[in-house]
Amino acid sequence: MGLIDFVRRAGKRLGIGGDEDKAPPADELRKEIESHGLDTRDVEIDVTGDEVELRGKRMADELREKIIIAAGNVAGVARVNDRIEAQKEEDGSTFHTVEKGQTLWGIAKQHYDNGALYTEIFEANRPMLSDPDKIYPGQVLRIPRR
């Protein structure tokens, strides 16, 4: 997938104080990703400044994309360089950065022409999302292909 941009000052703050200009250390990011029940045993995580590089062997697209989202939606992360091998050679999900005032309904209407399909976006971002009404500006979401 390559480089994916995130909003550096948006997202969960890890550790005490944290520097919004730098991503947290790799071990803290791994703990955050795993706190969502995502398996990172085959993923190498490197952090340089505000960029995170993820490397690993083939894994399901959904797991790979959720790991990217979980790492990127952390304060201090501006980019994730996805170097994890995709399991299939087909298009995965697209990513959407939430803007102020947006709702999952509106995002579903934008991407699927049907707001009622917001539940598909919500489910695609579980367990990182626990409530469809709790999204925030700067957050990046997976938008599965239909």
N, C-alpha and C. Protein backbone atom coordinates (compact mmCIF):
# COMPACT_ATOMS: atom_id res chain seq x y z
N MET A 1 0.81 -1.19 0.00
CA MET A 1 0.00 0.00 0.00
C MET A 1 0.86 1.25 0.00
N GLY A 2 2.02 1.22 0.60
CA GLY A 2 2.89 2.39 0.60
C GLY A 2 2.62 3.33 1.75
N LEU A 3 2.83 4.62 1.51
CA LEU A 3 2.67 5.64 2.55
C LEU A 3 1.22 6.05 2.71
N ILE A 4 0.75 6.07 3.94
CA ILE A 4 -0.60 6.52 4.27
C ILE A 4 -0.45 7.68 5.24
N ASP A 5 -1.08 8.81 4.93
CA ASP A 5 -1.00 10.00 5.78
C ASP A 5 -2.05 9.97 6.86
N PHE A 6 -1.67 10.47 8.03
CA PHE A 6 -2.56 10.61 9.18
C PHE A 6 -2.41 12.04 9.71
N VAL A 7 -3.33 12.44 10.57
CA VAL A 7 -3.25 13.76 11.19
C VAL A 7 -2.43 13.60 12.47
N ARG A 8 -1.24 14.15 12.47
CA ARG A 8 -0.27 13.92 13.55
C ARG A 8 -0.80 14.31 14.93
N ARG A 9 -1.56 15.37 15.02
CA ARG A 9 -2.01 15.84 16.33
C ARG A 9 -3.37 15.27 16.74
N ALA A 10 -3.91 14.38 15.93
CA ALA A 10 -5.17 13.72 16.26
C ALA A 10 -4.87 12.32 16.78
N GLY A 11 -5.79 11.78 17.51
CA GLY A 11 -5.65 10.39 17.94
C GLY A 11 -5.29 10.25 19.40
N LYS A 12 -5.20 9.01 19.78
CA LYS A 12 -4.92 8.65 21.18
C LYS A 12 -3.49 9.01 21.54
N ARG A 13 -3.34 9.60 22.72
CA ARG A 13 -2.01 9.92 23.23
C ARG A 13 -1.53 8.75 24.09
N LEU A 14 -0.35 8.28 23.78
CA LEU A 14 0.22 7.16 24.53
C LEU A 14 1.30 7.67 25.46
N GLY A 15 1.50 6.97 26.55
CA GLY A 15 2.56 7.34 27.49
C GLY A 15 2.19 8.58 28.29
N ILE A 16 3.15 9.08 29.02
CA ILE A 16 2.95 10.25 29.87
C ILE A 16 3.44 11.48 29.12
N GLY A 17 2.56 12.43 28.93
CA GLY A 17 2.95 13.67 28.26
C GLY A 17 3.00 13.51 26.76
N GLY A 18 3.89 12.70 26.27
CA GLY A 18 3.99 12.44 24.83
C GLY A 18 4.37 13.68 24.04
N ASP A 19 5.14 13.49 23.03
CA ASP A 19 5.56 14.57 22.14
C ASP A 19 4.71 14.45 20.88
N GLU A 20 3.87 15.44 20.62
CA GLU A 20 2.98 15.39 19.46
C GLU A 20 3.74 15.47 18.14
N ASP A 21 5.01 15.81 18.17
CA ASP A 21 5.79 15.92 16.95
C ASP A 21 6.52 14.62 16.61
N LYS A 22 6.46 13.64 17.50
CA LYS A 22 7.11 12.36 17.26
C LYS A 22 6.15 11.23 17.60
N ALA A 23 6.23 10.17 16.83
CA ALA A 23 5.43 8.99 17.14
C ALA A 23 5.99 8.34 18.41
N PRO A 24 5.14 7.66 19.15
CA PRO A 24 5.63 6.95 20.34
C PRO A 24 6.61 5.82 19.93
N PRO A 25 7.37 5.32 20.86
CA PRO A 25 8.29 4.22 20.56
C PRO A 25 7.54 2.99 20.04
N ALA A 26 8.25 2.15 19.30
CA ALA A 26 7.65 0.97 18.68
C ALA A 26 6.97 0.05 19.69
N ASP A 27 7.57 -0.12 20.86
CA ASP A 27 6.96 -1.03 21.84
C ASP A 27 5.62 -0.49 22.35
N GLU A 28 5.48 0.83 22.50
CA GLU A 28 4.20 1.41 22.91
C GLU A 28 3.16 1.27 21.80
N LEU A 29 3.58 1.46 20.56
CA LEU A 29 2.66 1.29 19.43
C LEU A 29 2.18 -0.16 19.35
N ARG A 30 3.09 -1.10 19.53
CA ARG A 30 2.71 -2.52 19.49
C ARG A 30 1.67 -2.82 20.56
N LYS A 31 1.87 -2.30 21.76
CA LYS A 31 0.90 -2.52 22.85
C LYS A 31 -0.46 -1.93 22.49
N GLU A 32 -0.45 -0.74 21.88
CA GLU A 32 -1.70 -0.10 21.48
C GLU A 32 -2.43 -0.94 20.42
N ILE A 33 -1.70 -1.40 19.43
CA ILE A 33 -2.30 -2.22 18.37
C ILE A 33 -2.87 -3.50 18.97
N GLU A 34 -2.10 -4.14 19.82
CA GLU A 34 -2.54 -5.40 20.43
C GLU A 34 -3.70 -5.19 21.40
N SER A 35 -3.84 -3.98 21.96
CA SER A 35 -4.97 -3.71 22.87
C SER A 35 -6.31 -3.81 22.14
N HIS A 36 -6.27 -3.77 20.82
CA HIS A 36 -7.48 -3.92 20.01
C HIS A 36 -7.69 -5.37 19.58
N GLY A 37 -6.89 -6.27 20.13
CA GLY A 37 -7.01 -7.68 19.80
C GLY A 37 -6.40 -8.06 18.46
N LEU A 38 -5.51 -7.22 17.95
CA LEU A 38 -4.88 -7.47 16.66
C LEU A 38 -3.53 -8.16 16.86
N ASP A 39 -3.29 -9.20 16.10
CA ASP A 39 -2.09 -10.02 16.23
C ASP A 39 -0.93 -9.38 15.49
N THR A 40 0.12 -9.00 16.22
CA THR A 40 1.28 -8.34 15.60
C THR A 40 2.54 -9.20 15.63
N ARG A 41 2.40 -10.48 15.92
CA ARG A 41 3.60 -11.30 16.09
C ARG A 41 4.46 -11.38 14.83
N ASP A 42 3.84 -11.22 13.64
CA ASP A 42 4.61 -11.28 12.40
C ASP A 42 4.86 -9.89 11.81
N VAL A 43 4.75 -8.85 12.64
CA VAL A 43 4.92 -7.48 12.17
C VAL A 43 6.11 -6.84 12.86
N GLU A 44 6.99 -6.25 12.06
CA GLU A 44 8.09 -5.45 12.59
C GLU A 44 7.64 -4.00 12.56
N ILE A 45 7.89 -3.28 13.64
CA ILE A 45 7.50 -1.88 13.75
C ILE A 45 8.75 -1.04 13.98
N ASP A 46 8.96 -0.06 13.10
CA ASP A 46 10.07 0.87 13.26
C ASP A 46 9.50 2.28 13.28
N VAL A 47 10.04 3.12 14.15
CA VAL A 47 9.58 4.50 14.28
C VAL A 47 10.75 5.44 14.04
N THR A 48 10.54 6.41 13.15
CA THR A 48 11.53 7.46 12.91
C THR A 48 10.78 8.78 12.89
N GLY A 49 11.01 9.61 13.90
CA GLY A 49 10.30 10.89 13.98
C GLY A 49 8.80 10.68 14.08
N ASP A 50 8.05 11.17 13.07
CA ASP A 50 6.60 11.02 13.10
C ASP A 50 6.12 9.97 12.10
N GLU A 51 7.05 9.13 11.61
CA GLU A 51 6.69 8.09 10.65
C GLU A 51 6.89 6.70 11.24
N VAL A 52 5.93 5.83 10.97
CA VAL A 52 5.97 4.45 11.43
C VAL A 52 6.08 3.56 10.20
N GLU A 53 7.02 2.62 10.23
CA GLU A 53 7.12 1.64 9.15
C GLU A 53 6.70 0.29 9.69
N LEU A 54 5.80 -0.36 8.97
CA LEU A 54 5.32 -1.69 9.32
C LEU A 54 5.79 -2.67 8.24
N ARG A 55 6.47 -3.74 8.67
CA ARG A 55 6.94 -4.75 7.73
C ARG A 55 6.47 -6.11 8.22
N GLY A 56 6.18 -6.98 7.28
CA GLY A 56 5.78 -8.32 7.68
C GLY A 56 5.45 -9.20 6.49
N LYS A 57 5.27 -10.47 6.80
CA LYS A 57 4.92 -11.45 5.78
C LYS A 57 3.42 -11.39 5.49
N ARG A 58 3.01 -12.13 4.51
CA ARG A 58 1.62 -12.13 4.06
C ARG A 58 0.64 -12.29 5.21
N MET A 59 -0.41 -11.47 5.15
CA MET A 59 -1.49 -11.59 6.11
C MET A 59 -2.77 -11.10 5.42
N ALA A 60 -3.89 -11.44 5.99
CA ALA A 60 -5.18 -11.03 5.42
C ALA A 60 -5.25 -9.51 5.32
N ASP A 61 -5.84 -9.02 4.22
CA ASP A 61 -5.95 -7.58 4.00
C ASP A 61 -6.64 -6.88 5.17
N GLU A 62 -7.70 -7.47 5.70
CA GLU A 62 -8.44 -6.82 6.79
C GLU A 62 -7.54 -6.62 8.01
N LEU A 63 -6.79 -7.64 8.39
CA LEU A 63 -5.88 -7.52 9.54
C LEU A 63 -4.82 -6.47 9.26
N ARG A 64 -4.22 -6.52 8.07
CA ARG A 64 -3.19 -5.55 7.70
C ARG A 64 -3.72 -4.13 7.79
N GLU A 65 -4.89 -3.90 7.24
CA GLU A 65 -5.48 -2.55 7.24
C GLU A 65 -5.82 -2.09 8.66
N LYS A 66 -6.31 -2.99 9.49
CA LYS A 66 -6.63 -2.62 10.87
C LYS A 66 -5.36 -2.29 11.66
N ILE A 67 -4.28 -2.99 11.41
CA ILE A 67 -3.00 -2.69 12.07
C ILE A 67 -2.52 -1.31 11.64
N ILE A 68 -2.64 -1.00 10.36
CA ILE A 68 -2.25 0.33 9.85
C ILE A 68 -3.06 1.41 10.54
N ILE A 69 -4.38 1.24 10.60
CA ILE A 69 -5.27 2.23 11.20
C ILE A 69 -4.96 2.39 12.70
N ALA A 70 -4.78 1.26 13.40
CA ALA A 70 -4.50 1.32 14.84
C ALA A 70 -3.19 2.05 15.11
N ALA A 71 -2.18 1.85 14.27
CA ALA A 71 -0.89 2.53 14.45
C ALA A 71 -1.00 4.00 14.07
N GLY A 72 -1.71 4.31 13.00
CA GLY A 72 -1.78 5.68 12.51
C GLY A 72 -2.65 6.61 13.30
N ASN A 73 -3.69 6.06 13.95
CA ASN A 73 -4.59 6.90 14.74
C ASN A 73 -4.08 7.08 16.16
N VAL A 74 -2.80 7.38 16.26
CA VAL A 74 -2.13 7.67 17.52
C VAL A 74 -1.48 9.04 17.39
N ALA A 75 -1.63 9.87 18.39
CA ALA A 75 -1.03 11.21 18.37
C ALA A 75 0.48 11.08 18.15
N GLY A 76 0.99 11.91 17.25
CA GLY A 76 2.42 11.91 16.95
C GLY A 76 2.74 11.17 15.65
N VAL A 77 1.80 10.40 15.14
CA VAL A 77 2.02 9.65 13.90
C VAL A 77 1.45 10.45 12.73
N ALA A 78 2.32 10.83 11.79
CA ALA A 78 1.89 11.58 10.60
C ALA A 78 1.78 10.68 9.38
N ARG A 79 2.56 9.58 9.36
CA ARG A 79 2.56 8.68 8.21
C ARG A 79 2.83 7.27 8.68
N VAL A 80 2.20 6.33 7.98
CA VAL A 80 2.51 4.92 8.17
C VAL A 80 2.97 4.39 6.82
N ASN A 81 4.15 3.81 6.81
CA ASN A 81 4.68 3.19 5.60
C ASN A 81 4.36 1.70 5.68
N ASP A 82 3.36 1.30 4.90
CA ASP A 82 2.90 -0.09 4.90
C ASP A 82 3.79 -0.92 3.99
N ARG A 83 4.59 -1.77 4.61
CA ARG A 83 5.45 -2.68 3.84
C ARG A 83 5.12 -4.12 4.19
N ILE A 84 3.87 -4.33 4.67
CA ILE A 84 3.39 -5.68 4.96
C ILE A 84 2.89 -6.27 3.65
N GLU A 85 3.29 -7.50 3.36
CA GLU A 85 2.85 -8.15 2.13
C GLU A 85 1.35 -8.43 2.19
N ALA A 86 0.65 -8.03 1.14
CA ALA A 86 -0.79 -8.30 1.06
C ALA A 86 -1.01 -9.78 0.74
N GLN A 87 -2.07 -10.33 1.29
CA GLN A 87 -2.38 -11.73 1.05
C GLN A 87 -2.86 -11.94 -0.39
N LYS A 88 -3.65 -10.99 -0.88
CA LYS A 88 -4.20 -11.10 -2.23
C LYS A 88 -3.72 -9.92 -3.05
N GLU A 89 -3.73 -10.09 -4.35
CA GLU A 89 -3.34 -9.01 -5.24
C GLU A 89 -4.58 -8.26 -5.73
N GLU A 90 -5.49 -7.94 -4.84
CA GLU A 90 -6.69 -7.21 -5.22
C GLU A 90 -6.78 -5.94 -4.38
N ASP A 91 -7.63 -5.05 -4.83
CA ASP A 91 -7.79 -3.79 -4.12
C ASP A 91 -8.40 -4.04 -2.74
N GLY A 92 -7.79 -3.47 -1.73
CA GLY A 92 -8.33 -3.55 -0.38
C GLY A 92 -9.28 -2.39 -0.13
N SER A 93 -9.42 -2.03 1.09
CA SER A 93 -10.27 -0.92 1.47
C SER A 93 -9.63 0.40 1.07
N THR A 94 -10.44 1.45 1.06
CA THR A 94 -9.90 2.79 0.94
C THR A 94 -9.88 3.38 2.35
N PHE A 95 -9.14 4.43 2.54
CA PHE A 95 -9.08 5.09 3.83
C PHE A 95 -9.72 6.46 3.71
N HIS A 96 -10.40 6.87 4.77
CA HIS A 96 -11.10 8.16 4.79
C HIS A 96 -10.70 8.90 6.07
N THR A 97 -10.27 10.15 5.92
CA THR A 97 -9.94 10.97 7.09
C THR A 97 -11.18 11.78 7.46
N VAL A 98 -11.62 11.60 8.70
CA VAL A 98 -12.83 12.27 9.21
C VAL A 98 -12.59 13.77 9.31
N GLU A 99 -13.54 14.54 8.80
CA GLU A 99 -13.49 15.99 8.91
C GLU A 99 -14.50 16.46 9.95
N LYS A 100 -14.30 17.66 10.47
CA LYS A 100 -15.17 18.22 11.49
C LYS A 100 -16.62 18.19 10.99
N GLY A 101 -17.52 17.70 11.84
CA GLY A 101 -18.95 17.67 11.52
C GLY A 101 -19.41 16.41 10.80
N GLN A 102 -18.48 15.55 10.38
CA GLN A 102 -18.89 14.35 9.67
C GLN A 102 -19.42 13.29 10.62
N THR A 103 -20.31 12.47 10.10
CA THR A 103 -20.86 11.32 10.82
C THR A 103 -20.62 10.08 9.97
N LEU A 104 -20.74 8.91 10.58
CA LEU A 104 -20.60 7.69 9.80
C LEU A 104 -21.68 7.61 8.72
N TRP A 105 -22.89 8.10 9.02
CA TRP A 105 -23.97 8.13 8.04
C TRP A 105 -23.53 8.94 6.81
N GLY A 106 -23.01 10.13 7.05
CA GLY A 106 -22.57 10.99 5.96
C GLY A 106 -21.42 10.39 5.17
N ILE A 107 -20.51 9.74 5.87
CA ILE A 107 -19.37 9.11 5.20
C ILE A 107 -19.86 7.95 4.33
N ALA A 108 -20.82 7.17 4.84
CA ALA A 108 -21.40 6.07 4.05
C ALA A 108 -22.13 6.62 2.82
N LYS A 109 -22.84 7.73 3.00
CA LYS A 109 -23.54 8.35 1.87
C LYS A 109 -22.52 8.79 0.82
N GLN A 110 -21.41 9.36 1.28
CA GLN A 110 -20.36 9.84 0.36
C GLN A 110 -19.72 8.68 -0.42
N HIS A 111 -19.41 7.58 0.27
CA HIS A 111 -18.69 6.48 -0.37
C HIS A 111 -19.59 5.45 -1.03
N TYR A 112 -20.80 5.24 -0.48
CA TYR A 112 -21.68 4.18 -0.97
C TYR A 112 -22.99 4.71 -1.56
N ASP A 113 -23.20 6.03 -1.52
CA ASP A 113 -24.48 6.63 -1.96
C ASP A 113 -25.67 6.14 -1.13
N ASN A 114 -25.40 5.68 0.10
CA ASN A 114 -26.47 5.19 0.97
C ASN A 114 -26.00 5.30 2.42
N GLY A 115 -26.52 6.28 3.14
CA GLY A 115 -26.11 6.51 4.52
C GLY A 115 -26.40 5.35 5.45
N ALA A 116 -27.44 4.58 5.13
CA ALA A 116 -27.83 3.46 5.99
C ALA A 116 -26.74 2.38 6.04
N LEU A 117 -25.79 2.43 5.13
CA LEU A 117 -24.70 1.45 5.12
C LEU A 117 -23.57 1.84 6.08
N TYR A 118 -23.83 2.83 6.95
CA TYR A 118 -22.81 3.25 7.93
C TYR A 118 -22.38 2.08 8.79
N THR A 119 -23.27 1.11 9.00
CA THR A 119 -22.93 -0.04 9.86
C THR A 119 -21.78 -0.85 9.26
N GLU A 120 -21.67 -0.87 7.93
CA GLU A 120 -20.56 -1.58 7.29
C GLU A 120 -19.22 -0.92 7.62
N ILE A 121 -19.22 0.40 7.64
CA ILE A 121 -18.00 1.13 7.99
C ILE A 121 -17.70 0.93 9.47
N PHE A 122 -18.73 1.00 10.31
CA PHE A 122 -18.54 0.79 11.74
C PHE A 122 -17.94 -0.60 12.00
N GLU A 123 -18.53 -1.63 11.41
CA GLU A 123 -18.04 -3.00 11.62
C GLU A 123 -16.62 -3.18 11.08
N ALA A 124 -16.30 -2.52 9.97
CA ALA A 124 -14.96 -2.63 9.38
C ALA A 124 -13.89 -2.00 10.26
N ASN A 125 -14.29 -1.14 11.19
CA ASN A 125 -13.34 -0.44 12.05
C ASN A 125 -13.40 -0.91 13.50
N ARG A 126 -14.13 -1.99 13.75
CA ARG A 126 -14.13 -2.59 15.08
C ARG A 126 -12.87 -3.40 15.22
N PRO A 127 -12.25 -3.49 16.31
CA PRO A 127 -12.63 -3.00 17.62
C PRO A 127 -12.11 -1.60 17.92
N MET A 128 -11.48 -0.94 16.93
CA MET A 128 -10.97 0.42 17.21
C MET A 128 -12.12 1.38 17.50
N LEU A 129 -13.28 1.17 16.86
CA LEU A 129 -14.47 1.96 17.17
C LEU A 129 -15.36 1.14 18.08
N SER A 130 -15.82 1.76 19.14
CA SER A 130 -16.72 1.06 20.06
C SER A 130 -18.15 1.59 19.96
N ASP A 131 -18.32 2.73 19.30
CA ASP A 131 -19.63 3.36 19.18
C ASP A 131 -19.65 4.14 17.87
N PRO A 132 -20.70 3.96 17.04
CA PRO A 132 -20.72 4.67 15.75
C PRO A 132 -20.81 6.19 15.88
N ASP A 133 -21.17 6.68 17.05
CA ASP A 133 -21.26 8.12 17.26
C ASP A 133 -19.96 8.72 17.81
N LYS A 134 -18.94 7.90 18.01
CA LYS A 134 -17.69 8.39 18.59
C LYS A 134 -16.56 8.35 17.58
N ILE A 135 -16.65 9.23 16.59
CA ILE A 135 -15.55 9.44 15.66
C ILE A 135 -15.10 10.88 15.85
N TYR A 136 -13.88 11.20 15.44
CA TYR A 136 -13.36 12.54 15.69
C TYR A 136 -12.59 13.05 14.46
N PRO A 137 -12.54 14.36 14.30
CA PRO A 137 -11.80 14.93 13.17
C PRO A 137 -10.34 14.48 13.19
N GLY A 138 -9.86 14.10 12.02
CA GLY A 138 -8.48 13.63 11.90
C GLY A 138 -8.35 12.12 11.97
N GLN A 139 -9.36 11.45 12.48
CA GLN A 139 -9.32 10.00 12.57
C GLN A 139 -9.41 9.41 11.16
N VAL A 140 -8.66 8.35 10.92
CA VAL A 140 -8.70 7.67 9.63
C VAL A 140 -9.48 6.37 9.80
N LEU A 141 -10.41 6.14 8.89
CA LEU A 141 -11.28 4.96 8.93
C LEU A 141 -11.07 4.11 7.69
N ARG A 142 -11.27 2.80 7.84
CA ARG A 142 -11.29 1.86 6.70
C ARG A 142 -12.66 1.94 6.06
N ILE A 143 -12.68 2.03 4.76
CA ILE A 143 -13.93 2.00 4.00
C ILE A 143 -13.85 0.79 3.09
N PRO A 144 -14.53 -0.31 3.48
CA PRO A 144 -14.43 -1.53 2.67
C PRO A 144 -15.07 -1.34 1.29
N ARG A 145 -14.51 -2.02 0.33
CA ARG A 145 -15.08 -2.00 -1.02
C ARG A 145 -16.39 -2.79 -1.00
N ARG A 146 -17.31 -2.38 -1.83
CA ARG A 146 -18.60 -3.09 -1.95
C ARG A 146 -18.68 -3.75 -3.29
